[in-house]
Amino acid sequence: MLVSNCNKNKQYYLEKSTKFFCYGGYVMDLVSLYYFSELAKDLNITKTSSRLFISQQTLSNHIMRMETECKAKLFYRKPKLMLTDAGREMLLFAKKVLTEKQHFENMLADIEGEQLGHIRFGASYLNSRTCLPIVLPQFAKEYPNVSIELTEFTSSRLQQLLINGEL
């Protein structure tokens, strides 16, 4: 939706609620961007909605609203769910915005002296079963407000994820 109070000259503007921001004259919803980026990972509405603890209809509504706002299809629906060219561009944009939001929240937490955040890392199947069971409980005890996201793959796949900025 084009809005008159959106400054087109700024890259984006976070509103007080930080749920919405302006980009290029369009109002964007951070929750929808998050849901979109998660669906782009799975390319499966059932799996993604289950993982996010929302209904399939809610997830579909967020995606349709984004497509209406952008006036572009973000996913091909048939024969299977796939990103369109516009969807791939939106995914790059969503990753940047959500990363900046996380950096901002981490900065605010640091200012207030709290130790909280989110750590994403990868480990091979062997290391995740041998080393991490020893280290992670100690870390969780010392930093209870830090969430941990572990990705298990082969070393070559982990290296590719790192190069692509996905890890």
Foldseek 3Di string as FASTA:
>chain_A
DFDDVADQVDQWDQDPVSQWIDHNRFIDGLVLLVLLLQCQVVLDLVVSCVVVVHDSVVSVVSQVVVCVRVVHHQWDPPPGTHGDPVVVVSNVVSVVVVVVVQVVVCVVCVVVVADAHEEEAEDEPVCCPPPCVVVVVVVCVVRVRYHYHYDYDDPVVRVVCVVVVND
